[in-house]
Amino acid sequence: MSSRKDKLSAIPTNVITGFLGVGKSTAILHLLKQKPADERWAVLVNEFGEIGIDGSVLGGRESEDSGVFVSEVPGGCMCCAAGLPMQIAMNRLLSRSRPHRLIIEPTGLGHPKEVLAVLSADHYKDLLDLRATVTLVDARKVSDERYTQHPTFLQQLAIADVIVANKADQYQAKDFPALLSFLETDIGLDAKSVFQVSHGQLALEWLSAPAREHQLPHHHHHHETEAAVIDPEIPEAGYLSIDNQGEGFFSRGWIFKPEWTFNSQQLYDLLLGINAERLKGVFITDRGITAYNKADGVLTEVTLDECMDSRVECISADPAVFEGMEAALLNCVIEQAPSTLYSV
């Protein structure tokens, strides 16, 4: 791939999967820090909600100048509708980046077997070289039937070539042994090579682990979704909201005009008090550009270099969580100065 005229072929490709809030995006950011300086990497992100957040987070921390190219497919499992949204986004991303490695992050409610089936199709046989599928898991979740009885959670573990128990710094003594027992007894996997990490600190060498042969479906049956508009036209009101649902969860997301600035303290207090399975956002605030990430009741903040607008996505098993959230978000707006791109 030394020339733009060279034909792309045998691109090492990894799927990084795991359930909601397990830390996939943090893990990918850690991998990107280990990228060889002379390589270009492409990252295709899929989100359950209709409003993409991870693309803004990854793009705000890494740049194309550093050899990192990011694209996203919001709006549910990207392999829905015969895999068309995924194929379109991936083909465009590969053409633009001509990468030395492709990383794919399906939504935490996605179907990794079907994603792998798309990647294994005949028309990608020469283009992609499928390497290890890495599944992140929080060992504490194997004591919760909402996870252990969820088919997507089970499939993510069953499809894994490498299993990584993330957030190990938060485990009790019984948590990791319980995970190993669950993998061996309920999933039928040899749990001898399960790794423990904290803060998504994946080892680059794990991406090169061999990929197992899997019985992959030709298609699957669940709700189809239209491809979401990543950069929609925002109405005169200054914001819009979009809903989605599936796999027993609901999402609601908002996009705000880039001219709007938010009060960071009010925003933090608001997001901290929202009781949802997952919450992610990127906001232009009076203290700069901030990405918010909430899982397991813990809200974290990360400073970004730039973003095109403010946006937030909330995922919950109970849609009542969304009541009053819009008014509270609007109450955090403190300024509407003209701007098209806010950067620090």
Protein backbone atom coordinates (compact mmCIF):
# COMPACT_ATOMS: atom_id res chain seq x y z
CA MET A 1 0.00 0.00 0.00
CA SER A 2 2.90 2.35 -0.73
CA SER A 3 1.09 4.14 -3.56
CA ARG A 4 -2.40 5.51 -4.02
CA LYS A 5 -2.53 3.40 -7.19
CA ASP A 6 -1.75 0.15 -5.38
CA LYS A 7 -4.69 -2.20 -5.05
CA LEU A 8 -5.82 -2.65 -1.45
CA SER A 9 -5.54 -6.23 -0.27
CA ALA A 10 -5.21 -8.36 2.86
CA ILE A 11 -5.84 -5.52 5.30
CA PRO A 12 -5.47 -6.91 8.86
CA THR A 13 -8.94 -6.52 10.36
CA ASN A 14 -10.06 -6.85 13.97
CA VAL A 15 -13.48 -6.67 15.56
CA ILE A 16 -13.49 -5.22 19.09
CA THR A 17 -16.77 -6.12 20.77
CA GLY A 18 -18.38 -6.16 24.20
CA PHE A 19 -21.64 -5.19 25.92
CA LEU A 20 -22.81 -1.68 26.79
CA GLY A 21 -20.41 0.32 28.94
CA VAL A 22 -17.57 -2.20 29.02
CA GLY A 23 -15.02 0.32 27.69
CA LYS A 24 -14.57 -0.50 24.00
CA SER A 25 -13.85 3.07 22.88
CA THR A 26 -11.31 3.57 25.68
CA ALA A 27 -9.63 0.31 24.66
CA ILE A 28 -9.45 1.40 21.01
CA LEU A 29 -7.93 4.74 22.03
CA HIS A 30 -5.27 2.80 23.95
CA LEU A 31 -4.55 0.68 20.87
CA LEU A 32 -4.26 3.80 18.72
CA LYS A 33 -1.54 5.10 21.04
CA GLN A 34 0.46 1.98 20.14
CA LYS A 35 0.04 2.42 16.39
CA PRO A 36 3.37 2.48 14.53
CA ALA A 37 4.05 6.06 13.45
CA ASP A 38 4.39 5.12 9.78
CA GLU A 39 1.05 3.26 9.60
CA ARG A 40 -2.48 4.42 8.81
CA TRP A 41 -5.29 2.83 10.80
CA ALA A 42 -9.00 2.99 10.03
CA VAL A 43 -11.67 2.69 12.72
CA LEU A 44 -15.32 1.95 11.87
CA VAL A 45 -17.61 2.62 14.82
CA ASN A 46 -21.19 1.40 15.15
CA GLU A 47 -23.60 2.78 17.75
CA PHE A 48 -27.02 1.67 18.92
CA GLY A 49 -28.35 5.22 19.09
CA GLU A 50 -29.23 7.25 16.01
CA ILE A 51 -26.80 10.03 16.98
CA GLY A 52 -23.14 9.07 16.71
CA ILE A 53 -20.93 9.96 19.66
CA ASP A 54 -17.90 7.67 19.49
CA GLY A 55 -16.81 9.02 16.13
CA SER A 56 -16.59 12.49 17.69
CA VAL A 57 -14.69 11.15 20.71
CA LEU A 58 -12.18 9.16 18.69
CA GLY A 59 -11.83 11.89 16.10
CA GLY A 60 -11.40 14.49 18.83
CA ARG A 61 -8.51 12.58 20.39
CA GLU A 62 -6.81 11.35 17.21
CA SER A 63 -6.41 13.01 13.83
CA GLU A 64 -5.93 11.97 10.23
CA ASP A 65 -2.61 13.84 10.34
CA SER A 66 -1.45 11.19 12.82
CA GLY A 67 -2.66 8.38 10.56
CA VAL A 68 -6.00 7.64 12.25
CA PHE A 69 -9.20 7.70 10.14
CA VAL A 70 -12.58 7.32 11.83
CA SER A 71 -16.04 6.73 10.42
CA GLU A 72 -19.28 5.69 12.10
CA VAL A 73 -22.55 3.91 11.42
CA PRO A 74 -25.16 4.99 13.99
CA GLY A 75 -28.68 3.67 14.30
CA GLY A 76 -28.48 0.10 15.59
CA CYS A 77 -26.62 -3.01 14.45
CA MET A 78 -24.66 -2.01 11.34
CA CYS A 79 -25.20 -5.43 9.75
CA CYS A 80 -28.96 -4.83 9.52
CA ALA A 81 -30.58 -4.28 6.14
CA ALA A 82 -28.33 -6.89 4.51
CA GLY A 83 -25.24 -5.15 5.83
CA LEU A 84 -25.63 -2.26 3.40
CA PRO A 85 -24.93 0.65 5.85
CA MET A 86 -21.82 -1.15 7.06
CA GLN A 87 -20.54 -1.91 3.58
CA ILE A 88 -21.08 1.64 2.32
CA ALA A 89 -19.35 3.21 5.32
CA MET A 90 -16.50 0.70 5.27
CA ASN A 91 -15.85 1.02 1.54
CA ARG A 92 -15.71 4.81 1.80
CA LEU A 93 -13.43 4.62 4.85
CA LEU A 94 -11.02 2.19 3.18
CA SER A 95 -10.90 4.26 0.01
CA ARG A 96 -10.17 7.44 1.97
CA SER A 97 -7.62 6.00 4.40
CA ARG A 98 -5.99 3.11 2.50
CA PRO A 99 -5.13 1.66 5.91
CA HIS A 100 -2.54 -0.77 7.20
CA ARG A 101 -5.14 -1.98 9.75
CA LEU A 102 -8.93 -1.83 10.09
CA ILE A 103 -10.61 -1.91 13.51
CA ILE A 104 -14.37 -2.37 13.76
CA GLU A 105 -16.30 -1.57 16.93
CA PRO A 106 -19.89 -2.89 16.79
CA THR A 107 -22.49 -1.46 19.12
CA GLY A 108 -22.68 -3.12 22.54
CA LEU A 109 -26.11 -4.38 21.47
CA GLY A 110 -24.90 -5.55 18.07
CA HIS A 111 -24.51 -9.01 16.61
CA PRO A 112 -20.83 -9.88 16.17
CA LYS A 113 -21.53 -13.11 14.28
CA GLU A 114 -23.43 -11.20 11.62
CA VAL A 115 -20.74 -8.52 11.45
CA LEU A 116 -18.14 -11.24 10.90
CA ALA A 117 -20.40 -12.80 8.26
CA VAL A 118 -20.40 -9.52 6.32
CA LEU A 119 -16.61 -9.25 6.64
CA SER A 120 -16.21 -12.87 5.47
CA ALA A 121 -18.29 -12.41 2.32
CA ASP A 122 -16.68 -13.36 -0.99
CA HIS A 123 -16.27 -9.76 -2.16
CA TYR A 124 -14.08 -9.02 0.90
CA LYS A 125 -12.07 -12.24 0.73
CA ASP A 126 -9.01 -10.66 -0.90
CA LEU A 127 -9.48 -7.20 0.59
CA LEU A 128 -9.62 -8.10 4.29
CA ASP A 129 -7.45 -10.41 6.38
CA LEU A 130 -9.62 -11.25 9.40
CA ARG A 131 -7.58 -11.45 12.59
CA ALA A 132 -8.61 -11.92 16.22
CA THR A 133 -12.02 -10.84 17.46
CA VAL A 134 -11.43 -9.26 20.87
CA THR A 135 -14.32 -9.29 23.35
CA LEU A 136 -14.22 -7.05 26.40
CA VAL A 137 -16.25 -8.12 29.41
CA ASP A 138 -16.81 -6.78 32.90
CA ALA A 139 -16.38 -9.81 35.18
CA ARG A 140 -18.85 -8.34 37.66
CA LYS A 141 -21.68 -8.79 35.15
CA VAL A 142 -21.73 -12.60 35.26
CA SER A 143 -23.69 -12.38 38.51
CA ASP A 144 -26.44 -10.36 36.78
CA GLU A 145 -29.08 -12.29 34.82
CA ARG A 146 -29.82 -9.22 32.67
CA TYR A 147 -26.45 -9.96 31.07
CA THR A 148 -26.09 -13.73 31.33
CA GLN A 149 -29.52 -14.27 29.79
CA HIS A 150 -29.06 -11.69 27.05
CA PRO A 151 -28.31 -13.44 23.73
CA THR A 152 -26.03 -10.65 22.50
CA PHE A 153 -23.86 -10.82 25.64
CA LEU A 154 -23.52 -14.59 25.22
CA GLN A 155 -22.75 -14.32 21.51
CA GLN A 156 -20.04 -11.73 22.12
CA LEU A 157 -18.24 -14.17 24.41
CA ALA A 158 -18.80 -17.21 22.22
CA ILE A 159 -17.37 -15.50 19.13
CA ALA A 160 -14.22 -14.22 20.85
CA ASP A 161 -10.68 -15.20 19.93
CA VAL A 162 -9.35 -13.11 22.81
CA ILE A 163 -11.37 -12.32 25.95
CA VAL A 164 -10.31 -9.36 28.05
CA ALA A 165 -11.77 -8.73 31.51
CA ASN A 166 -11.72 -4.93 31.62
CA LYS A 167 -12.10 -2.68 34.69
CA ALA A 168 -10.13 -5.20 36.77
CA ASP A 169 -9.18 -2.46 39.22
CA GLN A 170 -12.83 -2.42 40.34
CA TYR A 171 -13.20 -6.19 40.90
CA GLN A 172 -13.75 -7.97 44.18
CA ALA A 173 -11.78 -11.16 44.85
CA LYS A 174 -14.61 -13.41 43.62
CA ASP A 175 -15.37 -11.60 40.35
CA PHE A 176 -12.65 -12.89 38.02
CA PRO A 177 -12.91 -16.55 39.16
CA ALA A 178 -16.68 -16.29 38.63
CA LEU A 179 -16.07 -15.11 35.06
CA LEU A 180 -13.70 -18.00 34.35
CA SER A 181 -16.22 -20.49 35.71
CA PHE A 182 -19.01 -18.94 33.63
CA LEU A 183 -16.93 -19.10 30.44
CA GLU A 184 -16.07 -22.75 30.95
CA THR A 185 -19.43 -23.96 32.26
CA ASP A 186 -21.97 -21.83 30.37
CA ILE A 187 -20.10 -20.79 27.20
CA GLY A 188 -17.94 -23.89 26.78
CA LEU A 189 -14.70 -21.94 26.35
CA ASP A 190 -11.22 -22.70 27.60
CA ALA A 191 -10.72 -19.82 30.02
CA LYS A 192 -6.98 -20.31 30.53
CA SER A 193 -6.02 -17.39 28.30
CA VAL A 194 -8.44 -14.72 29.53
CA PHE A 195 -6.63 -11.47 30.27
CA GLN A 196 -7.35 -8.91 32.98
CA VAL A 197 -6.77 -5.20 32.32
CA SER A 198 -7.80 -1.83 33.68
CA HIS A 199 -8.73 1.29 31.70
CA GLY A 200 -8.88 -0.62 28.40
CA GLN A 201 -5.15 -1.29 28.26
CA LEU A 202 -5.17 -3.84 25.45
CA ALA A 203 -1.87 -5.26 24.21
CA LEU A 204 -1.17 -4.64 20.54
CA GLU A 205 -0.01 -8.24 20.12
CA TRP A 206 -3.50 -9.54 20.92
CA LEU A 207 -4.72 -8.21 17.59
CA SER A 208 -2.48 -10.70 15.80
CA ALA A 209 -3.92 -13.75 17.54
CA PRO A 210 -5.35 -16.27 15.04
CA ALA A 211 -9.04 -16.08 14.25
CA ARG A 212 -11.05 -19.25 14.76
CA GLU A 213 -13.42 -20.68 12.18
CA HIS A 214 -17.01 -19.93 13.15
CA GLN A 215 -20.39 -21.12 11.94
CA LEU A 216 -21.53 -17.78 10.56
CA PRO A 217 -25.10 -16.97 9.47
CA HIS A 218 -25.91 -15.83 5.95
CA HIS A 219 -28.49 -13.41 7.33
CA HIS A 220 -30.35 -12.67 10.53
CA HIS A 221 -33.80 -11.57 11.54
CA HIS A 222 -34.26 -8.50 13.69
CA HIS A 223 -35.48 -4.99 13.15
CA GLU A 224 -34.16 -3.23 10.10
CA THR A 225 -33.09 0.36 10.49
CA GLU A 226 -32.60 3.16 8.04
CA ALA A 227 -29.11 4.58 7.88
CA ALA A 228 -28.93 7.46 10.32
CA VAL A 229 -27.96 10.92 9.18
CA ILE A 230 -24.68 11.67 10.94
CA ASP A 231 -24.77 15.40 10.05
CA PRO A 232 -28.47 16.23 9.91
CA GLU A 233 -29.89 19.68 9.31
CA ILE A 234 -30.73 21.23 12.66
CA PRO A 235 -34.04 23.13 12.72
CA GLU A 236 -34.49 26.75 13.77
CA ALA A 237 -35.10 25.69 17.35
CA GLY A 238 -31.37 24.94 17.53
CA TYR A 239 -31.54 21.24 18.31
CA LEU A 240 -33.16 17.96 17.34
CA SER A 241 -33.75 14.62 19.05
CA ILE A 242 -33.90 11.12 17.57
CA ASP A 243 -35.10 7.86 19.15
CA ASN A 244 -34.27 4.22 18.55
CA GLN A 245 -35.13 0.91 20.20
CA GLY A 246 -34.26 -2.77 19.99
CA GLU A 247 -32.78 -5.71 21.89
CA GLY A 248 -34.80 -4.67 24.96
CA PHE A 249 -33.30 -1.17 25.13
CA PHE A 250 -34.33 2.35 24.14
CA SER A 251 -32.15 5.28 23.10
CA ARG A 252 -32.73 9.00 22.77
CA GLY A 253 -30.15 11.40 21.43
CA TRP A 254 -29.88 15.14 20.89
CA ILE A 255 -27.76 17.25 18.54
CA PHE A 256 -27.35 20.97 19.25
CA LYS A 257 -26.20 23.84 17.06
CA PRO A 258 -22.44 24.42 17.26
CA GLU A 259 -23.13 28.05 18.23
CA TRP A 260 -24.42 26.89 21.60
CA THR A 261 -22.15 26.82 24.64
CA PHE A 262 -23.08 24.84 27.75
CA ASN A 263 -22.39 25.50 31.41
CA SER A 264 -19.99 22.70 32.31
CA GLN A 265 -20.89 22.47 36.00
CA GLN A 266 -24.65 22.39 35.36
CA LEU A 267 -24.12 19.82 32.62
CA TYR A 268 -21.97 17.58 34.81
CA ASP A 269 -24.51 17.66 37.63
CA LEU A 270 -27.32 16.85 35.19
CA LEU A 271 -25.56 13.91 33.55
CA LEU A 272 -24.40 12.56 36.91
CA GLY A 273 -28.01 12.34 38.08
CA ILE A 274 -29.37 10.45 35.05
CA ASN A 275 -29.96 6.78 35.88
CA ALA A 276 -29.38 4.99 32.57
CA GLU A 277 -27.47 1.94 31.39
CA ARG A 278 -25.31 4.08 29.13
CA LEU A 279 -24.76 7.77 28.48
CA LYS A 280 -22.26 9.42 26.15
CA GLY A 281 -21.90 12.98 24.99
CA VAL A 282 -19.62 15.60 23.49
CA PHE A 283 -20.26 19.24 24.43
CA ILE A 284 -18.89 22.69 23.71
CA THR A 285 -18.74 24.16 27.21
CA ASP A 286 -17.51 27.30 28.94
CA ARG A 287 -14.41 25.26 29.90
CA GLY A 288 -13.67 23.92 26.42
CA ILE A 289 -14.73 20.80 24.54
CA THR A 290 -15.56 17.89 26.83
CA ALA A 291 -16.57 14.27 26.22
CA TYR A 292 -18.76 12.67 28.89
CA ASN A 293 -19.02 8.94 29.42
CA LYS A 294 -21.25 7.27 32.00
CA ALA A 295 -21.44 3.55 32.73
CA ASP A 296 -22.23 1.68 35.94
CA GLY A 297 -23.14 4.97 37.59
CA VAL A 298 -19.65 6.44 37.05
CA LEU A 299 -19.37 9.65 35.00
CA THR A 300 -16.01 10.55 33.46
CA GLU A 301 -14.87 13.63 31.55
CA VAL A 302 -12.21 13.87 28.82
CA THR A 303 -10.99 17.03 27.11
CA LEU A 304 -11.08 16.96 23.30
CA ASP A 305 -9.26 19.08 20.75
CA GLU A 306 -12.25 19.81 18.52
CA CYS A 307 -15.81 18.88 17.59
CA MET A 308 -18.38 20.02 15.06
CA ASP A 309 -21.31 20.35 17.50
CA SER A 310 -22.65 19.27 20.89
CA ARG A 311 -24.49 15.95 21.09
CA VAL A 312 -25.52 13.37 23.67
CA GLU A 313 -26.99 9.85 23.60
CA CYS A 314 -28.76 8.05 26.45
CA ILE A 315 -29.54 4.31 26.43
CA SER A 316 -31.89 2.72 28.95
CA ALA A 317 -34.12 -0.29 29.43
CA ASP A 318 -36.75 2.15 30.75
CA PRO A 319 -37.71 5.02 28.42
CA ALA A 320 -39.10 6.97 31.38
CA VAL A 321 -35.49 7.97 32.08
CA PHE A 322 -35.70 10.40 29.14
CA GLU A 323 -38.58 12.40 30.65
CA GLY A 324 -37.50 15.93 31.47
CA MET A 325 -34.01 15.40 30.08
CA GLU A 326 -34.49 17.69 27.09
CA ALA A 327 -35.65 20.66 29.16
CA ALA A 328 -32.78 20.12 31.59
CA LEU A 329 -30.23 20.06 28.76
CA LEU A 330 -31.62 23.28 27.28
CA ASN A 331 -31.38 24.88 30.71
CA CYS A 332 -27.60 24.29 30.58
CA VAL A 333 -27.18 26.50 27.48
CA ILE A 334 -25.47 29.78 28.40
CA GLU A 335 -24.28 31.26 25.09
CA GLN A 336 -25.16 31.21 21.40
CA ALA A 337 -22.14 32.92 19.81
CA PRO A 338 -21.69 32.32 16.05
CA SER A 339 -19.32 29.49 15.22
CA THR A 340 -18.97 26.62 12.75
CA LEU A 341 -16.14 24.73 14.38
CA TYR A 342 -15.09 25.08 17.97
CA SER A 343 -11.52 24.08 18.79
CA VAL A 344 -8.90 24.72 21.43
